[in-house]
């Protein structure tokens, strides 16, 4: 007799799951709470003041905070691949 592996799709009461593109409510709630706390702590002006307080703070801003705004994947024009050209010169 062959055992049937239990997966999410064949467990009793299992549904199709969250549709693609629907945000996780817990994650959004956490992001909203962090944004509210940042606003209450002085928002952008306070962040700038903190970064200017110490060179280590500014370094932390550029190394850890700012990169979170950058896209995770870099694409070329119109969403296509990134073009690359290399010029090698031998003298």
PDB file of N, CA and C in Angstrom:
ATOM      1  N   UNK A   1       0.845  -1.166   0.000  1.00  0.00           N
ATOM      2  CA  UNK A   1       0.000   0.000   0.000  1.00  0.00           C
ATOM      3  C   UNK A   1       0.901   1.243   0.000  1.00  0.00           C
ATOM      4  N   UNK A   2       0.552   2.242  -0.831  1.00  0.00           N
ATOM      5  CA  UNK A   2       1.333   3.462  -0.945  1.00  0.00           C
ATOM      6  C   UNK A   2       0.720   4.545  -0.061  1.00  0.00           C
ATOM      7  N   UNK A   3       1.566   5.160   0.743  1.00  0.00           N
ATOM      8  CA  UNK A   3       1.089   6.236   1.610  1.00  0.00           C
ATOM      9  C   UNK A   3       0.930   7.511   0.781  1.00  0.00           C
ATOM     10  N   UNK A   4      -0.127   8.254   1.062  1.00  0.00           N
ATOM     11  CA  UNK A   4      -0.375   9.518   0.368  1.00  0.00           C
ATOM     12  C   UNK A   4       0.243  10.629   1.207  1.00  0.00           C
ATOM     13  N   UNK A   5       1.126  11.394   0.560  1.00  0.00           N
ATOM     14  CA  UNK A   5       1.761  12.500   1.261  1.00  0.00           C
ATOM     15  C   UNK A   5       0.730  13.612   1.466  1.00  0.00           C
ATOM     16  N   UNK A   6       0.646  14.094   2.700  1.00  0.00           N
ATOM     17  CA  UNK A   6      -0.310  15.154   2.999  1.00  0.00           C
ATOM     18  C   UNK A   6       0.285  16.491   2.600  1.00  0.00           C
ATOM     19  N   UNK A   7      -0.390  17.171   1.722  1.00  0.00           N
ATOM     20  CA  UNK A   7       0.008  18.507   1.295  1.00  0.00           C
ATOM     21  C   UNK A   7      -1.131  19.453   1.590  1.00  0.00           C
ATOM     22  N   UNK A   8      -0.881  20.727   1.442  1.00  0.00           N
ATOM     23  CA  UNK A   8      -1.929  21.710   1.710  1.00  0.00           C
ATOM     24  C   UNK A   8      -3.145  21.483   0.825  1.00  0.00           C
ATOM     25  N   UNK A   9      -2.914  20.997  -0.383  1.00  0.00           N
ATOM     26  CA  UNK A   9      -4.037  20.846  -1.311  1.00  0.00           C
ATOM     27  C   UNK A   9      -4.921  19.644  -0.993  1.00  0.00           C
ATOM     28  N   UNK A  10      -4.427  18.654  -0.254  1.00  0.00           N
ATOM     29  CA  UNK A  10      -5.284  17.496   0.020  1.00  0.00           C
ATOM     30  C   UNK A  10      -5.638  17.330   1.497  1.00  0.00           C
ATOM     31  N   UNK A  11      -5.343  18.325   2.317  1.00  0.00           N
ATOM     32  CA  UNK A  11      -5.756  18.278   3.715  1.00  0.00           C
ATOM     33  C   UNK A  11      -7.228  18.680   3.811  1.00  0.00           C
ATOM     34  N   UNK A  12      -7.960  18.097   4.728  1.00  0.00           N
ATOM     35  CA  UNK A  12      -9.369  18.466   4.860  1.00  0.00           C
ATOM     36  C   UNK A  12      -9.499  19.926   5.301  1.00  0.00           C
ATOM     37  N   UNK A  13     -10.372  20.650   4.627  1.00  0.00           N
ATOM     38  CA  UNK A  13     -10.617  22.046   4.989  1.00  0.00           C
ATOM     39  C   UNK A  13      -9.629  23.027   4.385  1.00  0.00           C
ATOM     40  N   UNK A  14      -8.655  22.525   3.633  1.00  0.00           N
ATOM     41  CA  UNK A  14      -7.672  23.422   3.033  1.00  0.00           C
ATOM     42  C   UNK A  14      -8.308  24.163   1.863  1.00  0.00           C
ATOM     43  N   UNK A  15      -8.070  25.450   1.795  1.00  0.00           N
ATOM     44  CA  UNK A  15      -8.604  26.258   0.702  1.00  0.00           C
ATOM     45  C   UNK A  15      -7.501  26.600  -0.280  1.00  0.00           C
ATOM     46  N   UNK A  16      -7.807  27.456  -1.213  1.00  0.00           N
ATOM     47  CA  UNK A  16      -6.831  27.809  -2.242  1.00  0.00           C
ATOM     48  C   UNK A  16      -5.725  28.738  -1.737  1.00  0.00           C
ATOM     49  N   UNK A  17      -5.891  29.283  -0.552  1.00  0.00           N
ATOM     50  CA  UNK A  17      -4.886  30.203  -0.019  1.00  0.00           C
ATOM     51  C   UNK A  17      -5.160  31.632  -0.460  1.00  0.00           C
ATOM     52  N   UNK A  18      -4.256  32.514  -0.106  1.00  0.00           N
ATOM     53  CA  UNK A  18      -4.416  33.929  -0.435  1.00  0.00           C
ATOM     54  C   UNK A  18      -4.129  34.125  -1.921  1.00  0.00           C
ATOM     55  N   UNK A  19      -4.991  34.864  -2.608  1.00  0.00           N
ATOM     56  CA  UNK A  19      -4.747  35.119  -4.027  1.00  0.00           C
ATOM     57  C   UNK A  19      -3.451  35.919  -4.230  1.00  0.00           C
ATOM     58  N   UNK A  20      -2.803  35.709  -5.355  1.00  0.00           N
ATOM     59  CA  UNK A  20      -1.551  36.395  -5.676  1.00  0.00           C
ATOM     60  C   UNK A  20      -1.777  37.906  -5.670  1.00  0.00           C
ATOM     61  N   UNK A  21      -0.866  38.619  -5.045  1.00  0.00           N
ATOM     62  CA  UNK A  21      -0.926  40.077  -5.017  1.00  0.00           C
ATOM     63  C   UNK A  21      -1.648  40.669  -3.823  1.00  0.00           C
ATOM     64  N   UNK A  22      -2.336  39.854  -3.053  1.00  0.00           N
ATOM     65  CA  UNK A  22      -3.040  40.362  -1.871  1.00  0.00           C
ATOM     66  C   UNK A  22      -2.026  40.462  -0.738  1.00  0.00           C
ATOM     67  N   UNK A  23      -1.838  41.666  -0.178  1.00  0.00           N
ATOM     68  CA  UNK A  23      -0.818  41.821   0.865  1.00  0.00           C
ATOM     69  C   UNK A  23      -1.181  41.102   2.159  1.00  0.00           C
ATOM     70  N   UNK A  24      -0.174  40.706   2.893  1.00  0.00           N
ATOM     71  CA  UNK A  24      -0.343  40.079   4.196  1.00  0.00           C
ATOM     72  C   UNK A  24      -0.794  41.157   5.173  1.00  0.00           C
ATOM     73  N   UNK A  25      -1.921  40.960   5.851  1.00  0.00           N
ATOM     74  CA  UNK A  25      -2.474  41.976   6.752  1.00  0.00           C
ATOM     75  C   UNK A  25      -1.564  42.247   7.940  1.00  0.00           C
ATOM     76  N   UNK A  26      -0.921  41.206   8.469  1.00  0.00           N
ATOM     77  CA  UNK A  26      -0.033  41.389   9.619  1.00  0.00           C
ATOM     78  C   UNK A  26       1.161  42.235   9.232  1.00  0.00           C
ATOM     79  N   UNK A  27       1.743  41.964   8.071  1.00  0.00           N
ATOM     80  CA  UNK A  27       2.890  42.748   7.600  1.00  0.00           C
ATOM     81  C   UNK A  27       2.489  44.205   7.411  1.00  0.00           C
ATOM     82  N   UNK A  28       1.337  44.451   6.805  1.00  0.00           N
ATOM     83  CA  UNK A  28       0.893  45.824   6.588  1.00  0.00           C
ATOM     84  C   UNK A  28       0.621  46.534   7.906  1.00  0.00           C
ATOM     85  N   UNK A  29       0.053  45.823   8.874  1.00  0.00           N
ATOM     86  CA  UNK A  29      -0.201  46.410  10.190  1.00  0.00           C
ATOM     87  C   UNK A  29       1.109  46.807  10.863  1.00  0.00           C
ATOM     88  N   UNK A  30       2.114  45.941  10.760  1.00  0.00           N
ATOM     89  CA  UNK A  30       3.423  46.248  11.348  1.00  0.00           C
ATOM     90  C   UNK A  30       4.047  47.465  10.663  1.00  0.00           C
ATOM     91  N   UNK A  31       3.960  47.526   9.329  1.00  0.00           N
ATOM     92  CA  UNK A  31       4.519  48.675   8.597  1.00  0.00           C
ATOM     93  C   UNK A  31       3.808  49.963   8.993  1.00  0.00           C
ATOM     94  N   UNK A  32       2.496  49.898   9.139  1.00  0.00           N
ATOM     95  CA  UNK A  32       1.733  51.079   9.551  1.00  0.00           C
ATOM     96  C   UNK A  32       2.142  51.542  10.946  1.00  0.00           C
ATOM     97  N   UNK A  33       2.356  50.612  11.870  1.00  0.00           N
ATOM     98  CA  UNK A  33       2.770  50.957  13.234  1.00  0.00           C
ATOM     99  C   UNK A  33       4.150  51.601  13.240  1.00  0.00           C
ATOM    100  N   UNK A  34       5.059  51.072  12.425  1.00  0.00           N
ATOM    101  CA  UNK A  34       6.407  51.640  12.336  1.00  0.00           C
ATOM    102  C   UNK A  34       6.351  53.042  11.748  1.00  0.00           C
ATOM    103  N   UNK A  35       5.540  53.249  10.711  1.00  0.00           N
ATOM    104  CA  UNK A  35       5.398  54.575  10.103  1.00  0.00           C
ATOM    105  C   UNK A  35       4.826  55.570  11.106  1.00  0.00           C
ATOM    106  N   UNK A  36       3.842  55.144  11.894  1.00  0.00           N
ATOM    107  CA  UNK A  36       3.252  56.016  12.905  1.00  0.00           C
ATOM    108  C   UNK A  36       4.288  56.378  13.971  1.00  0.00           C
ATOM    109  N   UNK A  37       5.056  55.394  14.424  1.00  0.00           N
ATOM    110  CA  UNK A  37       6.098  55.654  15.421  1.00  0.00           C
ATOM    111  C   UNK A  37       7.141  56.619  14.865  1.00  0.00           C
ATOM    112  N   UNK A  38       7.539  56.434  13.618  1.00  0.00           N
ATOM    113  CA  UNK A  38       8.525  57.327  13.003  1.00  0.00           C
ATOM    114  C   UNK A  38       7.989  58.749  12.945  1.00  0.00           C
ATOM    115  N   UNK A  39       6.712  58.877  12.624  1.00  0.00           N
ATOM    116  CA  UNK A  39       6.096  60.203  12.577  1.00  0.00           C
ATOM    117  C   UNK A  39       6.081  60.847  13.959  1.00  0.00           C
ATOM    118  N   UNK A  40       5.713  60.069  14.971  1.00  0.00           N
ATOM    119  CA  UNK A  40       5.652  60.579  16.344  1.00  0.00           C
ATOM    120  C   UNK A  40       7.047  60.945  16.879  1.00  0.00           C
ATOM    121  N   UNK A  41       8.076  60.271  16.368  1.00  0.00           N
ATOM    122  CA  UNK A  41       9.446  60.543  16.822  1.00  0.00           C
ATOM    123  C   UNK A  41      10.105  61.698  16.069  1.00  0.00           C
ATOM    124  N   UNK A  42       9.378  62.321  15.156  1.00  0.00           N
ATOM    125  CA  UNK A  42       9.923  63.490  14.478  1.00  0.00           C
ATOM    126  C   UNK A  42      10.035  63.341  12.977  1.00  0.00           C
ATOM    127  N   UNK A  43       9.706  62.186  12.457  1.00  0.00           N
ATOM    128  CA  UNK A  43       9.683  61.985  11.015  1.00  0.00           C
ATOM    129  C   UNK A  43      11.018  62.222  10.340  1.00  0.00           C
ATOM    130  N   UNK A  44      10.950  62.749   9.122  1.00  0.00           N
ATOM    131  CA  UNK A  44      12.143  62.949   8.301  1.00  0.00           C
ATOM    132  C   UNK A  44      13.132  63.924   8.948  1.00  0.00           C
ATOM    133  N   UNK A  45      12.606  64.986   9.562  1.00  0.00           N
ATOM    134  CA  UNK A  45      13.494  65.976  10.184  1.00  0.00           C
ATOM    135  C   UNK A  45      14.322  65.334  11.295  1.00  0.00           C
ATOM    136  N   UNK A  46      13.705  64.479  12.087  1.00  0.00           N
ATOM    137  CA  UNK A  46      14.426  63.804  13.173  1.00  0.00           C
ATOM    138  C   UNK A  46      15.438  62.813  12.619  1.00  0.00           C
ATOM    139  N   UNK A  47      15.080  62.126  11.530  1.00  0.00           N
ATOM    140  CA  UNK A  47      16.009  61.186  10.916  1.00  0.00           C
ATOM    141  C   UNK A  47      17.250  61.917  10.409  1.00  0.00           C
ATOM    142  N   UNK A  48      17.052  63.064   9.798  1.00  0.00           N
ATOM    143  CA  UNK A  48      18.186  63.864   9.322  1.00  0.00           C
ATOM    144  C   UNK A  48      19.042  64.312  10.504  1.00  0.00           C
ATOM    145  N   UNK A  49      18.403  64.793  11.564  1.00  0.00           N
ATOM    146  CA  UNK A  49      19.148  65.230  12.752  1.00  0.00           C
ATOM    147  C   UNK A  49      19.947  64.073  13.338  1.00  0.00           C
ATOM    148  N   UNK A  50      19.345  62.890  13.410  1.00  0.00           N
ATOM    149  CA  UNK A  50      20.037  61.705  13.933  1.00  0.00           C
ATOM    150  C   UNK A  50      21.241  61.358  13.070  1.00  0.00           C
ATOM    151  N   UNK A  51      21.061  61.395  11.759  1.00  0.00           N
ATOM    152  CA  UNK A  51      22.169  61.056  10.860  1.00  0.00           C
ATOM    153  C   UNK A  51      23.326  62.040  11.007  1.00  0.00           C
ATOM    154  N   UNK A  52      23.004  63.296  11.291  1.00  0.00           N
ATOM    155  CA  UNK A  52      24.044  64.326  11.427  1.00  0.00           C
ATOM    156  C   UNK A  52      24.713  64.317  12.799  1.00  0.00           C
ATOM    157  N   UNK A  53      24.125  63.642  13.786  1.00  0.00           N
ATOM    158  CA  UNK A  53      24.673  63.613  15.143  1.00  0.00           C
ATOM    159  C   UNK A  53      26.026  62.926  15.216  1.00  0.00           C
ATOM    160  N   UNK A  54      26.247  61.940  14.374  1.00  0.00           N
ATOM    161  CA  UNK A  54      27.461  61.129  14.457  1.00  0.00           C
ATOM    162  C   UNK A  54      27.757  60.542  13.076  1.00  0.00           C
ATOM    163  N   UNK A  55      29.009  60.563  12.642  1.00  0.00           N
ATOM    164  CA  UNK A  55      29.348  59.961  11.341  1.00  0.00           C
ATOM    165  C   UNK A  55      28.927  58.491  11.234  1.00  0.00           C
ATOM    166  N   UNK A  56      28.914  57.778  12.378  1.00  0.00           N
ATOM    167  CA  UNK A  56      28.470  56.375  12.356  1.00  0.00           C
ATOM    168  C   UNK A  56      26.981  56.284  12.024  1.00  0.00           C
ATOM    169  N   UNK A  57      26.196  57.254  12.497  1.00  0.00           N
ATOM    170  CA  UNK A  57      24.770  57.269  12.187  1.00  0.00           C
ATOM    171  C   UNK A  57      24.552  57.503  10.696  1.00  0.00           C
ATOM    172  N   UNK A  58      25.312  58.452  10.139  1.00  0.00           N
ATOM    173  CA  UNK A  58      25.163  58.720   8.707  1.00  0.00           C
ATOM    174  C   UNK A  58      25.568  57.500   7.889  1.00  0.00           C
ATOM    175  N   UNK A  59      26.629  56.833   8.316  1.00  0.00           N
ATOM    176  CA  UNK A  59      27.069  55.616   7.636  1.00  0.00           C
ATOM    177  C   UNK A  59      25.978  54.545   7.702  1.00  0.00           C
ATOM    178  N   UNK A  60      25.350  54.412   8.863  1.00  0.00           N
ATOM    179  CA  UNK A  60      24.265  53.437   9.019  1.00  0.00           C
ATOM    180  C   UNK A  60      23.089  53.789   8.110  1.00  0.00           C
ATOM    181  N   UNK A  61      22.814  55.085   7.982  1.00  0.00           N
ATOM    182  CA  UNK A  61      21.728  55.512   7.107  1.00  0.00           C
ATOM    183  C   UNK A  61      21.994  55.072   5.668  1.00  0.00           C
ATOM    184  N   UNK A  62      23.194  55.388   5.167  1.00  0.00           N
ATOM    185  CA  UNK A  62      23.512  55.061   3.769  1.00  0.00           C
ATOM    186  C   UNK A  62      23.678  53.560   3.540  1.00  0.00           C
ATOM    187  N   UNK A  63      24.166  52.844   4.543  1.00  0.00           N
ATOM    188  CA  UNK A  63      24.429  51.411   4.365  1.00  0.00           C
ATOM    189  C   UNK A  63      23.206  50.537   4.634  1.00  0.00           C
ATOM    190  N   UNK A  64      22.340  50.933   5.565  1.00  0.00           N
ATOM    191  CA  UNK A  64      21.241  50.055   5.970  1.00  0.00           C
ATOM    192  C   UNK A  64      19.848  50.581   5.676  1.00  0.00           C
ATOM    193  N   UNK A  65      19.651  51.888   5.810  1.00  0.00           N
ATOM    194  CA  UNK A  65      18.301  52.437   5.678  1.00  0.00           C
ATOM    195  C   UNK A  65      17.984  52.798   4.228  1.00  0.00           C
ATOM    196  N   UNK A  66      18.822  53.612   3.611  1.00  0.00           N
ATOM    197  CA  UNK A  66      18.560  54.077   2.252  1.00  0.00           C
ATOM    198  C   UNK A  66      18.432  52.944   1.231  1.00  0.00           C
ATOM    199  N   UNK A  67      19.283  51.908   1.287  1.00  0.00           N
ATOM    200  CA  UNK A  67      19.151  50.827   0.291  1.00  0.00           C
ATOM    201  C   UNK A  67      17.790  50.136   0.281  1.00  0.00           C
ATOM    202  N   UNK A  68      17.024  50.259   1.361  1.00  0.00           N
ATOM    203  CA  UNK A  68      15.696  49.642   1.394  1.00  0.00           C
ATOM    204  C   UNK A  68      14.742  50.308   0.413  1.00  0.00           C
ATOM    205  N   UNK A  69      15.085  51.515  -0.060  1.00  0.00           N
ATOM    206  CA  UNK A  69      14.261  52.214  -1.035  1.00  0.00           C
ATOM    207  C   UNK A  69      14.591  51.801  -2.464  1.00  0.00           C
ATOM    208  N   UNK A  70      15.742  51.194  -2.654  1.00  0.00           N
ATOM    209  CA  UNK A  70      16.185  50.824  -3.989  1.00  0.00           C
ATOM    210  C   UNK A  70      15.452  49.578  -4.475  1.00  0.00           C
ATOM    211  N   UNK A  71      15.243  49.476  -5.790  1.00  0.00           N
ATOM    212  CA  UNK A  71      14.562  48.291  -6.308  1.00  0.00           C
ATOM    213  C   UNK A  71      15.392  47.039  -6.071  1.00  0.00           C
ATOM    214  N   UNK A  72      14.706  45.916  -5.850  1.00  0.00           N
ATOM    215  CA  UNK A  72      15.404  44.658  -5.618  1.00  0.00           C
ATOM    216  C   UNK A  72      15.990  44.096  -6.902  1.00  0.00           C
ATOM    217  N   UNK A  73      15.391  44.464  -8.034  1.00  0.00           N
ATOM    218  CA  UNK A  73      15.872  43.967  -9.313  1.00  0.00           C
ATOM    219  C   UNK A  73      16.050  45.153 -10.242  1.00  0.00           C
ATOM    220  N   UNK A  74      17.193  45.234 -10.871  1.00  0.00           N
ATOM    221  CA  UNK A  74      17.487  46.320 -11.789  1.00  0.00           C
ATOM    222  C   UNK A  74      17.123  45.868 -13.196  1.00  0.00           C
ATOM    223  N   UNK A  75      16.396  46.730 -13.919  1.00  0.00           N
ATOM    224  CA  UNK A  75      16.033  46.413 -15.298  1.00  0.00           C
ATOM    225  C   UNK A  75      16.469  47.550 -16.209  1.00  0.00           C
ATOM    226  N   UNK A  76      16.533  47.266 -17.473  1.00  0.00           N
ATOM    227  CA  UNK A  76      16.897  48.269 -18.465  1.00  0.00           C
ATOM    228  C   UNK A  76      15.690  49.084 -18.882  1.00  0.00           C
ATOM    229  N   UNK A  77      15.849  49.815 -19.981  1.00  0.00           N
ATOM    230  CA  UNK A  77      14.782  50.650 -20.492  1.00  0.00           C
ATOM    231  C   UNK A  77      13.530  49.835 -20.805  1.00  0.00           C
ATOM    232  N   UNK A  78      12.377  50.352 -20.421  1.00  0.00           N
ATOM    233  CA  UNK A  78      11.117  49.679 -20.697  1.00  0.00           C
ATOM    234  C   UNK A  78      10.948  48.357 -19.972  1.00  0.00           C
ATOM    235  N   UNK A  79      11.736  48.123 -18.924  1.00  0.00           N
ATOM    236  CA  UNK A  79      11.630  46.877 -18.166  1.00  0.00           C
ATOM    237  C   UNK A  79      12.405  45.728 -18.771  1.00  0.00           C
ATOM    238  N   UNK A  80      13.131  46.000 -19.854  1.00  0.00           N
ATOM    239  CA  UNK A  80      13.913  44.956 -20.511  1.00  0.00           C
ATOM    240  C   UNK A  80      15.226  44.700 -19.794  1.00  0.00           C
ATOM    241  N   UNK A  81      16.078  43.876 -20.404  1.00  0.00           N
ATOM    242  CA  UNK A  81      17.364  43.571 -19.791  1.00  0.00           C
ATOM    243  C   UNK A  81      18.290  44.787 -19.780  1.00  0.00           C
ATOM    244  N   UNK A  82      19.232  44.783 -18.866  1.00  0.00           N
ATOM    245  CA  UNK A  82      20.204  45.859 -18.769  1.00  0.00           C
ATOM    246  C   UNK A  82      21.235  45.666 -19.872  1.00  0.00           C
ATOM    247  N   UNK A  83      21.443  46.719 -20.653  1.00  0.00           N
ATOM    248  CA  UNK A  83      22.441  46.657 -21.726  1.00  0.00           C
ATOM    249  C   UNK A  83      23.839  46.854 -21.155  1.00  0.00           C
ATOM    250  N   UNK A  84      24.788  46.176 -21.722  1.00  0.00           N
ATOM    251  CA  UNK A  84      26.164  46.275 -21.251  1.00  0.00           C
ATOM    252  C   UNK A  84      27.076  46.293 -22.462  1.00  0.00           C
ATOM    253  N   UNK A  85      27.945  47.269 -22.502  1.00  0.00           N
ATOM    254  CA  UNK A  85      28.942  47.278 -23.564  1.00  0.00           C
ATOM    255  C   UNK A  85      30.304  47.435 -22.914  1.00  0.00           C
ATOM    256  N   UNK A  86      31.254  46.710 -23.440  1.00  0.00           N
ATOM    257  CA  UNK A  86      32.608  46.723 -22.886  1.00  0.00           C
ATOM    258  C   UNK A  86      33.568  47.140 -23.996  1.00  0.00           C
ATOM    259  N   UNK A  87      34.426  48.081 -23.677  1.00  0.00           N
ATOM    260  CA  UNK A  87      35.430  48.536 -24.643  1.00  0.00           C
ATOM    261  C   UNK A  87      36.802  48.207 -24.061  1.00  0.00           C
ATOM    262  N   UNK A  88      37.545  47.403 -24.752  1.00  0.00           N
ATOM    263  CA  UNK A  88      38.886  47.021 -24.302  1.00  0.00           C
ATOM    264  C   UNK A  88      39.882  47.590 -25.293  1.00  0.00           C
ATOM    265  N   UNK A  89      40.880  48.277 -24.761  1.00  0.00           N
ATOM    266  CA  UNK A  89      41.879  48.883 -25.638  1.00  0.00           C
ATOM    267  C   UNK A  89      43.256  48.416 -25.197  1.00  0.00           C
ATOM    268  N   UNK A  90      44.014  47.893 -26.125  1.00  0.00           N
ATOM    269  CA  UNK A  90      45.379  47.481 -25.847  1.00  0.00           C
ATOM    270  C   UNK A  90      46.319  48.440 -26.546  1.00  0.00           C
ATOM    271  N   UNK A  91      47.292  48.946 -25.833  1.00  0.00           N
ATOM    272  CA  UNK A  91      48.280  49.869 -26.426  1.00  0.00           C
ATOM    273  C   UNK A  91      49.603  49.193 -26.613  1.00  0.00           C
TER     274      UNK A  91
END
